[in-house]
Amino acid sequence: MEQPPNSSRLPSGPDRRSLTGYGVGFGELVLVVAAGIALAPLGWALALAVSAGPSPWSAFFRALAAAPLARYLLNSLLVSGVTALGQVAVATPAAYVFARLRFPGRDGLFALYLGTLIIPHHVTLLPAFLLMRWLGWLDHYQALVVPALAHPFALFVLRQFFLSVPSELEDAARMDGCSRWMVLLRVLLPLSRPALATVGLFSFLWSWNSFLWPLVVLQTPTRYTLPVGLAMLQSEVGTDWPVLMAAALIAAAPVLLLFLFAQRSLVHSITFAEGST
């Protein structure tokens, strides 16, 4: 029996390849537009910084003369580096416990701890400040580092990565006489370098960009981090925007370089985390 022609049939052959090409081209166009929007503030800051003065570097030299940016840069490197290393060191064994060990209330405790991500930082600002004052940590860098060590995001990323590692590897190591710590140090950690790099990168970035908490706990100008130091370039009389943009570019350069070196590990770790959810 002859079947009636189906007008809703999908195109095939050259027509279908043409539609696929149009779809890929449109997707690439959307990505280019999104990238342009994301890079627009950076381009605007660079254009404003290099357009002021007789030389493209005039605003950068004026920024270095207007504030001790080198000192602020070292302060931020110290705080962000110690925070990143400390957060990785704290989150790694905790993530292993939640990923491999079984105990009553494990999943509920993990969900409760992960739920603290929805608590606004401003809600805990006053209690944290009072705690730092009681400990005598005001105007000291441990007030910036210690509260950031136990971050739920780091625990989540490492736990998801540990769940993606086949349990047979751990079982084989246990049969060879390895303890839990030896399994973590000699089996899981070498495989977890992308996840560790991701946690360290995000921790470094969040600490580097933190403004409100350092502004609250730091009182000595020589101990300011870069975001607080950049705010000191603004005044009630007026703001030299080319100088401020030049200083902001100087502050953003280390993070951009760090991301360029760690982007492969970042993408690899996110792919594993999505695959194990």
C-alpha atoms as a PDB file:
ATOM      1  CA  MET A   1       0.000   0.000   0.000  1.00  0.00           C
ATOM      2  CA  GLU A   2       1.323   3.410  -0.905  1.00  0.00           C
ATOM      3  CA  GLN A   3       1.809   5.629   2.146  1.00  0.00           C
ATOM      4  CA  PRO A   4       0.934   9.319   2.016  1.00  0.00           C
ATOM      5  CA  PRO A   5       3.890  11.633   1.997  1.00  0.00           C
ATOM      6  CA  ASN A   6       4.911  12.851   5.441  1.00  0.00           C
ATOM      7  CA  SER A   7       5.400  16.609   5.355  1.00  0.00           C
ATOM      8  CA  SER A   8       6.942  16.608   8.850  1.00  0.00           C
ATOM      9  CA  ARG A   9       9.852  14.379   7.868  1.00  0.00           C
ATOM     10  CA  LEU A  10      13.244  15.830   8.830  1.00  0.00           C
ATOM     11  CA  PRO A  11      15.477  16.909   5.949  1.00  0.00           C
ATOM     12  CA  SER A  12      18.261  14.560   4.994  1.00  0.00           C
ATOM     13  CA  GLY A  13      21.410  14.660   2.923  1.00  0.00           C
ATOM     14  CA  PRO A  14      22.764  18.096   1.970  1.00  0.00           C
ATOM     15  CA  ASP A  15      19.773  19.913   3.490  1.00  0.00           C
ATOM     16  CA  ARG A  16      20.340  18.328   6.889  1.00  0.00           C
ATOM     17  CA  ARG A  17      24.070  19.092   6.796  1.00  0.00           C
ATOM     18  CA  SER A  18      23.213  22.667   5.902  1.00  0.00           C
ATOM     19  CA  LEU A  19      20.916  22.993   8.919  1.00  0.00           C
ATOM     20  CA  THR A  20      23.583  21.474  11.166  1.00  0.00           C
ATOM     21  CA  GLY A  21      26.120  23.957   9.855  1.00  0.00           C
ATOM     22  CA  TYR A  22      23.773  26.847  10.549  1.00  0.00           C
ATOM     23  CA  GLY A  23      23.238  25.561  14.102  1.00  0.00           C
ATOM     24  CA  VAL A  24      26.964  25.280  14.773  1.00  0.00           C
ATOM     25  CA  GLY A  25      27.563  28.736  13.300  1.00  0.00           C
ATOM     26  CA  PHE A  26      24.833  30.270  15.453  1.00  0.00           C
ATOM     27  CA  GLY A  27      26.241  28.589  18.560  1.00  0.00           C
ATOM     28  CA  GLU A  28      29.704  29.928  17.829  1.00  0.00           C
ATOM     29  CA  LEU A  29      28.257  33.392  17.274  1.00  0.00           C
ATOM     30  CA  VAL A  30      26.527  33.261  20.669  1.00  0.00           C
ATOM     31  CA  LEU A  31      29.798  32.208  22.328  1.00  0.00           C
ATOM     32  CA  VAL A  32      31.697  35.038  20.650  1.00  0.00           C
ATOM     33  CA  VAL A  33      29.101  37.586  21.770  1.00  0.00           C
ATOM     34  CA  ALA A  34      29.158  36.212  25.322  1.00  0.00           C
ATOM     35  CA  ALA A  35      32.964  36.343  25.382  1.00  0.00           C
ATOM     36  CA  GLY A  36      32.878  39.923  24.120  1.00  0.00           C
ATOM     37  CA  ILE A  37      30.455  40.925  26.871  1.00  0.00           C
ATOM     38  CA  ALA A  38      32.640  39.244  29.494  1.00  0.00           C
ATOM     39  CA  LEU A  39      35.815  40.931  28.217  1.00  0.00           C
ATOM     40  CA  ALA A  40      34.234  44.362  27.711  1.00  0.00           C
ATOM     41  CA  PRO A  41      34.977  45.663  31.253  1.00  0.00           C
ATOM     42  CA  LEU A  42      38.596  44.540  30.975  1.00  0.00           C
ATOM     43  CA  GLY A  43      38.935  46.204  27.584  1.00  0.00           C
ATOM     44  CA  TRP A  44      37.322  49.392  28.863  1.00  0.00           C
ATOM     45  CA  ALA A  45      39.705  49.511  31.834  1.00  0.00           C
ATOM     46  CA  LEU A  46      42.710  48.927  29.577  1.00  0.00           C
ATOM     47  CA  ALA A  47      41.602  51.603  27.104  1.00  0.00           C
ATOM     48  CA  LEU A  48      41.037  54.112  29.899  1.00  0.00           C
ATOM     49  CA  ALA A  49      44.401  53.343  31.517  1.00  0.00           C
ATOM     50  CA  VAL A  50      46.525  53.637  28.372  1.00  0.00           C
ATOM     51  CA  SER A  51      44.741  56.704  26.978  1.00  0.00           C
ATOM     52  CA  ALA A  52      45.729  59.028  29.829  1.00  0.00           C
ATOM     53  CA  GLY A  53      49.051  60.817  29.711  1.00  0.00           C
ATOM     54  CA  PRO A  54      51.778  61.137  27.118  1.00  0.00           C
ATOM     55  CA  SER A  55      52.769  57.473  27.431  1.00  0.00           C
ATOM     56  CA  PRO A  56      50.576  54.354  27.582  1.00  0.00           C
ATOM     57  CA  TRP A  57      52.342  53.466  30.836  1.00  0.00           C
ATOM     58  CA  SER A  58      51.830  56.857  32.519  1.00  0.00           C
ATOM     59  CA  ALA A  59      48.747  55.769  34.470  1.00  0.00           C
ATOM     60  CA  PHE A  60      50.518  52.622  35.693  1.00  0.00           C
ATOM     61  CA  PHE A  61      53.496  54.610  37.007  1.00  0.00           C
ATOM     62  CA  ARG A  62      51.152  57.080  38.662  1.00  0.00           C
ATOM     63  CA  ALA A  63      49.242  54.221  40.274  1.00  0.00           C
ATOM     64  CA  LEU A  64      52.455  52.761  41.693  1.00  0.00           C
ATOM     65  CA  ALA A  65      53.366  56.209  43.055  1.00  0.00           C
ATOM     66  CA  ALA A  66      49.904  56.940  44.491  1.00  0.00           C
ATOM     67  CA  ALA A  67      49.718  53.830  46.692  1.00  0.00           C
ATOM     68  CA  PRO A  68      52.071  51.072  47.895  1.00  0.00           C
ATOM     69  CA  LEU A  69      50.668  48.575  45.411  1.00  0.00           C
ATOM     70  CA  ALA A  70      53.710  46.337  45.706  1.00  0.00           C
ATOM     71  CA  ARG A  71      53.077  45.974  49.433  1.00  0.00           C
ATOM     72  CA  TYR A  72      49.373  45.310  48.864  1.00  0.00           C
ATOM     73  CA  LEU A  73      50.295  42.766  46.203  1.00  0.00           C
ATOM     74  CA  LEU A  74      52.595  40.879  48.568  1.00  0.00           C
ATOM     75  CA  ASN A  75      49.939  40.946  51.303  1.00  0.00           C
ATOM     76  CA  SER A  76      47.321  39.509  48.946  1.00  0.00           C
ATOM     77  CA  LEU A  77      49.720  36.869  47.636  1.00  0.00           C
ATOM     78  CA  LEU A  78      50.519  35.784  51.186  1.00  0.00           C
ATOM     79  CA  VAL A  79      46.920  35.643  52.379  1.00  0.00           C
ATOM     80  CA  SER A  80      45.517  34.060  49.215  1.00  0.00           C
ATOM     81  CA  GLY A  81      48.329  31.512  48.906  1.00  0.00           C
ATOM     82  CA  VAL A  82      48.089  30.357  52.523  1.00  0.00           C
ATOM     83  CA  THR A  83      44.286  30.247  52.287  1.00  0.00           C
ATOM     84  CA  ALA A  84      44.386  28.126  49.134  1.00  0.00           C
ATOM     85  CA  LEU A  85      46.906  25.662  50.553  1.00  0.00           C
ATOM     86  CA  GLY A  86      45.109  25.476  53.891  1.00  0.00           C
ATOM     87  CA  GLN A  87      41.728  24.943  52.294  1.00  0.00           C
ATOM     88  CA  VAL A  88      43.058  22.078  50.177  1.00  0.00           C
ATOM     89  CA  ALA A  89      44.720  20.523  53.235  1.00  0.00           C
ATOM     90  CA  VAL A  90      41.523  20.717  55.303  1.00  0.00           C
ATOM     91  CA  ALA A  91      39.049  19.701  52.593  1.00  0.00           C
ATOM     92  CA  THR A  92      40.998  16.687  51.289  1.00  0.00           C
ATOM     93  CA  PRO A  93      40.674  14.366  54.323  1.00  0.00           C
ATOM     94  CA  ALA A  94      37.144  15.624  55.022  1.00  0.00           C
ATOM     95  CA  ALA A  95      36.089  14.849  51.436  1.00  0.00           C
ATOM     96  CA  TYR A  96      37.632  11.384  51.703  1.00  0.00           C
ATOM     97  CA  VAL A  97      35.605  10.696  54.838  1.00  0.00           C
ATOM     98  CA  PHE A  98      32.322  11.737  53.199  1.00  0.00           C
ATOM     99  CA  ALA A  99      33.127   9.857  49.977  1.00  0.00           C
ATOM    100  CA  ARG A 100      34.494   6.524  51.262  1.00  0.00           C
ATOM    101  CA  LEU A 101      33.631   5.999  54.918  1.00  0.00           C
ATOM    102  CA  ARG A 102      30.165   4.892  55.959  1.00  0.00           C
ATOM    103  CA  PHE A 103      28.684   6.055  59.260  1.00  0.00           C
ATOM    104  CA  PRO A 104      25.195   6.956  60.490  1.00  0.00           C
ATOM    105  CA  GLY A 105      24.011  10.382  59.329  1.00  0.00           C
ATOM    106  CA  ARG A 106      26.800  10.811  56.785  1.00  0.00           C
ATOM    107  CA  ASP A 107      24.627  12.020  53.904  1.00  0.00           C
ATOM    108  CA  GLY A 108      22.492  14.223  56.128  1.00  0.00           C
ATOM    109  CA  LEU A 109      25.538  15.833  57.697  1.00  0.00           C
ATOM    110  CA  PHE A 110      27.028  16.452  54.271  1.00  0.00           C
ATOM    111  CA  ALA A 111      23.793  18.012  52.996  1.00  0.00           C
ATOM    112  CA  LEU A 112      23.580  20.203  56.099  1.00  0.00           C
ATOM    113  CA  TYR A 113      27.163  21.358  55.689  1.00  0.00           C
ATOM    114  CA  LEU A 114      26.668  22.001  51.984  1.00  0.00           C
ATOM    115  CA  GLY A 115      23.533  23.974  52.793  1.00  0.00           C
ATOM    116  CA  THR A 116      25.612  26.605  54.570  1.00  0.00           C
ATOM    117  CA  LEU A 117      26.497  27.898  51.106  1.00  0.00           C
ATOM    118  CA  ILE A 118      23.091  29.594  50.921  1.00  0.00           C
ATOM    119  CA  ILE A 119      23.739  31.637  54.078  1.00  0.00           C
ATOM    120  CA  PRO A 120      24.699  35.196  53.058  1.00  0.00           C
ATOM    121  CA  HIS A 121      28.132  36.260  54.170  1.00  0.00           C
ATOM    122  CA  HIS A 122      26.718  39.449  55.663  1.00  0.00           C
ATOM    123  CA  VAL A 123      24.652  37.438  58.154  1.00  0.00           C
ATOM    124  CA  THR A 124      27.761  35.979  59.784  1.00  0.00           C
ATOM    125  CA  LEU A 125      29.823  39.161  59.538  1.00  0.00           C
ATOM    126  CA  LEU A 126      29.093  40.499  63.032  1.00  0.00           C
ATOM    127  CA  PRO A 127      29.410  37.160  64.891  1.00  0.00           C
ATOM    128  CA  ALA A 128      32.656  36.450  63.067  1.00  0.00           C
ATOM    129  CA  PHE A 129      33.994  39.901  63.940  1.00  0.00           C
ATOM    130  CA  LEU A 130      33.139  39.424  67.608  1.00  0.00           C
ATOM    131  CA  LEU A 131      34.853  36.030  67.574  1.00  0.00           C
ATOM    132  CA  MET A 132      37.994  37.490  66.005  1.00  0.00           C
ATOM    133  CA  ARG A 133      38.045  40.248  68.629  1.00  0.00           C
ATOM    134  CA  TRP A 134      37.640  37.687  71.417  1.00  0.00           C
ATOM    135  CA  LEU A 135      40.536  35.656  69.989  1.00  0.00           C
ATOM    136  CA  GLY A 136      42.679  38.776  69.632  1.00  0.00           C
ATOM    137  CA  TRP A 137      43.060  38.282  65.894  1.00  0.00           C
ATOM    138  CA  LEU A 138      41.887  41.691  64.719  1.00  0.00           C
ATOM    139  CA  ASP A 139      44.419  43.361  62.428  1.00  0.00           C
ATOM    140  CA  HIS A 140      46.172  40.002  61.907  1.00  0.00           C
ATOM    141  CA  TYR A 141      46.201  37.803  58.829  1.00  0.00           C
ATOM    142  CA  GLN A 142      44.951  34.721  60.665  1.00  0.00           C
ATOM    143  CA  ALA A 143      41.582  36.486  60.848  1.00  0.00           C
ATOM    144  CA  LEU A 144      41.499  36.310  57.043  1.00  0.00           C
ATOM    145  CA  VAL A 145      42.886  32.796  56.634  1.00  0.00           C
ATOM    146  CA  VAL A 146      41.385  30.622  59.389  1.00  0.00           C
ATOM    147  CA  PRO A 147      37.656  31.346  58.779  1.00  0.00           C
ATOM    148  CA  ALA A 148      38.091  30.444  55.090  1.00  0.00           C
ATOM    149  CA  LEU A 149      39.758  27.061  55.615  1.00  0.00           C
ATOM    150  CA  ALA A 150      36.595  24.964  55.974  1.00  0.00           C
ATOM    151  CA  HIS A 151      34.697  25.937  52.824  1.00  0.00           C
ATOM    152  CA  PRO A 152      31.788  23.754  51.629  1.00  0.00           C
ATOM    153  CA  PHE A 153      32.624  24.252  47.956  1.00  0.00           C
ATOM    154  CA  ALA A 154      36.073  22.699  48.363  1.00  0.00           C
ATOM    155  CA  LEU A 155      34.587  19.738  50.207  1.00  0.00           C
ATOM    156  CA  PHE A 156      31.947  19.243  47.513  1.00  0.00           C
ATOM    157  CA  VAL A 157      34.384  19.307  44.574  1.00  0.00           C
ATOM    158  CA  LEU A 158      36.857  16.894  46.182  1.00  0.00           C
ATOM    159  CA  ARG A 159      34.120  14.546  47.389  1.00  0.00           C
ATOM    160  CA  GLN A 160      32.634  14.334  43.900  1.00  0.00           C
ATOM    161  CA  PHE A 161      36.046  13.622  42.437  1.00  0.00           C
ATOM    162  CA  PHE A 162      36.755  10.886  44.992  1.00  0.00           C
ATOM    163  CA  LEU A 163      33.401   9.292  44.159  1.00  0.00           C
ATOM    164  CA  SER A 164      34.420   9.154  40.487  1.00  0.00           C
ATOM    165  CA  VAL A 165      37.551   7.113  41.287  1.00  0.00           C
ATOM    166  CA  PRO A 166      36.834   3.343  41.077  1.00  0.00           C
ATOM    167  CA  SER A 167      36.628   1.776  44.514  1.00  0.00           C
ATOM    168  CA  GLU A 168      38.570  -1.256  43.199  1.00  0.00           C
ATOM    169  CA  LEU A 169      41.766   0.811  43.364  1.00  0.00           C
ATOM    170  CA  GLU A 170      41.231   1.435  47.065  1.00  0.00           C
ATOM    171  CA  ASP A 171      40.300  -2.199  47.687  1.00  0.00           C
ATOM    172  CA  ALA A 172      43.511  -3.373  46.020  1.00  0.00           C
ATOM    173  CA  ALA A 173      45.568  -0.955  48.115  1.00  0.00           C
ATOM    174  CA  ARG A 174      43.830  -2.116  51.286  1.00  0.00           C
ATOM    175  CA  MET A 175      44.570  -5.748  50.409  1.00  0.00           C
ATOM    176  CA  ASP A 176      48.250  -4.799  50.065  1.00  0.00           C
ATOM    177  CA  GLY A 177      48.228  -3.512  53.641  1.00  0.00           C
ATOM    178  CA  CYS A 178      47.709   0.209  53.119  1.00  0.00           C
ATOM    179  CA  SER A 179      45.917   2.141  55.832  1.00  0.00           C
ATOM    180  CA  ARG A 180      43.242   4.731  55.129  1.00  0.00           C
ATOM    181  CA  TRP A 181      45.823   7.505  55.221  1.00  0.00           C
ATOM    182  CA  MET A 182      48.138   5.633  52.868  1.00  0.00           C
ATOM    183  CA  VAL A 183      45.271   5.060  50.425  1.00  0.00           C
ATOM    184  CA  LEU A 184      44.496   8.761  50.486  1.00  0.00           C
ATOM    185  CA  LEU A 185      48.097   9.887  50.113  1.00  0.00           C
ATOM    186  CA  ARG A 186      49.385   7.304  47.625  1.00  0.00           C
ATOM    187  CA  VAL A 187      46.321   6.353  45.586  1.00  0.00           C
ATOM    188  CA  LEU A 188      43.718   9.113  45.575  1.00  0.00           C
ATOM    189  CA  LEU A 189      45.840  12.250  45.813  1.00  0.00           C
ATOM    190  CA  PRO A 190      47.986  11.519  42.720  1.00  0.00           C
ATOM    191  CA  LEU A 191      44.767  10.994  40.758  1.00  0.00           C
ATOM    192  CA  SER A 192      43.143  14.103  42.199  1.00  0.00           C
ATOM    193  CA  ARG A 193      45.537  16.749  40.927  1.00  0.00           C
ATOM    194  CA  PRO A 194      42.939  18.389  38.633  1.00  0.00           C
ATOM    195  CA  ALA A 195      40.439  18.618  41.487  1.00  0.00           C
ATOM    196  CA  LEU A 196      43.074  19.920  43.892  1.00  0.00           C
ATOM    197  CA  ALA A 197      44.112  22.533  41.336  1.00  0.00           C
ATOM    198  CA  THR A 198      40.487  23.598  40.911  1.00  0.00           C
ATOM    199  CA  VAL A 199      39.915  23.962  44.649  1.00  0.00           C
ATOM    200  CA  GLY A 200      43.165  25.857  45.051  1.00  0.00           C
ATOM    201  CA  LEU A 201      42.360  28.158  42.127  1.00  0.00           C
ATOM    202  CA  PHE A 202      38.887  29.047  43.356  1.00  0.00           C
ATOM    203  CA  SER A 203      40.095  29.497  46.921  1.00  0.00           C
ATOM    204  CA  PHE A 204      42.901  31.765  45.746  1.00  0.00           C
ATOM    205  CA  LEU A 205      40.485  33.752  43.592  1.00  0.00           C
ATOM    206  CA  TRP A 206      37.905  34.247  46.341  1.00  0.00           C
ATOM    207  CA  SER A 207      40.532  35.304  48.854  1.00  0.00           C
ATOM    208  CA  TRP A 208      42.198  37.578  46.313  1.00  0.00           C
ATOM    209  CA  ASN A 209      38.930  39.395  45.527  1.00  0.00           C
ATOM    210  CA  SER A 210      37.652  39.554  49.109  1.00  0.00           C
ATOM    211  CA  PHE A 211      36.976  43.139  50.127  1.00  0.00           C
ATOM    212  CA  LEU A 212      34.434  43.459  52.924  1.00  0.00           C
ATOM    213  CA  TRP A 213      35.964  41.069  55.458  1.00  0.00           C
ATOM    214  CA  PRO A 214      39.550  42.438  55.137  1.00  0.00           C
ATOM    215  CA  LEU A 215      38.138  45.950  55.376  1.00  0.00           C
ATOM    216  CA  VAL A 216      36.453  45.037  58.658  1.00  0.00           C
ATOM    217  CA  VAL A 217      39.298  43.193  60.401  1.00  0.00           C
ATOM    218  CA  LEU A 218      42.408  45.000  59.089  1.00  0.00           C
ATOM    219  CA  GLN A 219      43.252  48.372  60.616  1.00  0.00           C
ATOM    220  CA  THR A 220      46.896  49.021  59.745  1.00  0.00           C
ATOM    221  CA  PRO A 221      47.299  50.415  56.184  1.00  0.00           C
ATOM    222  CA  THR A 222      50.506  48.472  55.577  1.00  0.00           C
ATOM    223  CA  ARG A 223      48.571  45.225  56.093  1.00  0.00           C
ATOM    224  CA  TYR A 224      45.838  45.998  53.580  1.00  0.00           C
ATOM    225  CA  THR A 225      45.172  43.545  50.779  1.00  0.00           C
ATOM    226  CA  LEU A 226      44.790  44.699  47.185  1.00  0.00           C
ATOM    227  CA  PRO A 227      40.988  45.233  47.101  1.00  0.00           C
ATOM    228  CA  VAL A 228      41.138  47.383  50.230  1.00  0.00           C
ATOM    229  CA  GLY A 229      44.182  49.207  48.921  1.00  0.00           C
ATOM    230  CA  LEU A 230      42.442  49.946  45.629  1.00  0.00           C
ATOM    231  CA  ALA A 231      39.529  51.460  47.525  1.00  0.00           C
ATOM    232  CA  MET A 232      41.968  53.883  49.148  1.00  0.00           C
ATOM    233  CA  LEU A 233      42.638  55.386  45.694  1.00  0.00           C
ATOM    234  CA  GLN A 234      39.115  56.844  45.731  1.00  0.00           C
ATOM    235  CA  SER A 235      38.303  59.993  47.662  1.00  0.00           C
ATOM    236  CA  GLU A 236      35.368  62.283  48.315  1.00  0.00           C
ATOM    237  CA  VAL A 237      37.011  65.042  46.279  1.00  0.00           C
ATOM    238  CA  GLY A 238      37.295  62.945  43.135  1.00  0.00           C
ATOM    239  CA  THR A 239      38.729  59.811  41.590  1.00  0.00           C
ATOM    240  CA  ASP A 240      41.517  59.594  39.050  1.00  0.00           C
ATOM    241  CA  TRP A 241      39.893  56.897  36.949  1.00  0.00           C
ATOM    242  CA  PRO A 242      42.861  56.123  34.662  1.00  0.00           C
ATOM    243  CA  VAL A 243      45.031  55.554  37.746  1.00  0.00           C
ATOM    244  CA  LEU A 244      42.359  53.429  39.386  1.00  0.00           C
ATOM    245  CA  MET A 245      41.893  51.337  36.238  1.00  0.00           C
ATOM    246  CA  ALA A 246      45.664  50.877  35.921  1.00  0.00           C
ATOM    247  CA  ALA A 247      45.840  49.707  39.535  1.00  0.00           C
ATOM    248  CA  ALA A 248      42.902  47.345  38.950  1.00  0.00           C
ATOM    249  CA  LEU A 249      44.680  45.825  35.940  1.00  0.00           C
ATOM    250  CA  ILE A 250      47.800  45.314  38.037  1.00  0.00           C
ATOM    251  CA  ALA A 251      45.656  43.565  40.658  1.00  0.00           C
ATOM    252  CA  ALA A 252      43.965  41.352  38.041  1.00  0.00           C
ATOM    253  CA  ALA A 253      47.168  40.274  36.264  1.00  0.00           C
ATOM    254  CA  PRO A 254      48.279  37.529  38.730  1.00  0.00           C
ATOM    255  CA  VAL A 255      44.828  35.928  38.749  1.00  0.00           C
ATOM    256  CA  LEU A 256      44.594  35.949  34.954  1.00  0.00           C
ATOM    257  CA  LEU A 257      48.008  34.310  34.669  1.00  0.00           C
ATOM    258  CA  LEU A 258      47.067  31.707  37.273  1.00  0.00           C
ATOM    259  CA  PHE A 259      43.881  30.854  35.409  1.00  0.00           C
ATOM    260  CA  LEU A 260      45.713  30.514  32.090  1.00  0.00           C
ATOM    261  CA  PHE A 261      48.092  27.986  33.622  1.00  0.00           C
ATOM    262  CA  ALA A 262      45.377  26.042  35.485  1.00  0.00           C
ATOM    263  CA  GLN A 263      42.486  26.122  32.994  1.00  0.00           C
ATOM    264  CA  ARG A 264      43.072  22.559  31.743  1.00  0.00           C
ATOM    265  CA  SER A 265      42.911  21.149  35.277  1.00  0.00           C
ATOM    266  CA  LEU A 266      39.854  23.290  35.953  1.00  0.00           C
ATOM    267  CA  VAL A 267      37.892  21.948  32.980  1.00  0.00           C
ATOM    268  CA  HIS A 268      38.989  18.372  33.710  1.00  0.00           C
ATOM    269  CA  SER A 269      37.869  18.565  37.325  1.00  0.00           C
ATOM    270  CA  ILE A 270      34.476  20.112  36.511  1.00  0.00           C
ATOM    271  CA  THR A 271      33.863  17.381  33.930  1.00  0.00           C
ATOM    272  CA  PHE A 272      34.554  14.686  36.534  1.00  0.00           C
ATOM    273  CA  ALA A 273      32.335  16.436  39.103  1.00  0.00           C
ATOM    274  CA  GLU A 274      29.416  16.613  36.669  1.00  0.00           C
ATOM    275  CA  GLY A 275      29.871  12.993  35.658  1.00  0.00           C
ATOM    276  CA  SER A 276      29.688  11.719  39.221  1.00  0.00           C
ATOM    277  CA  THR A 277      26.610  13.643  40.347  1.00  0.00           C
END
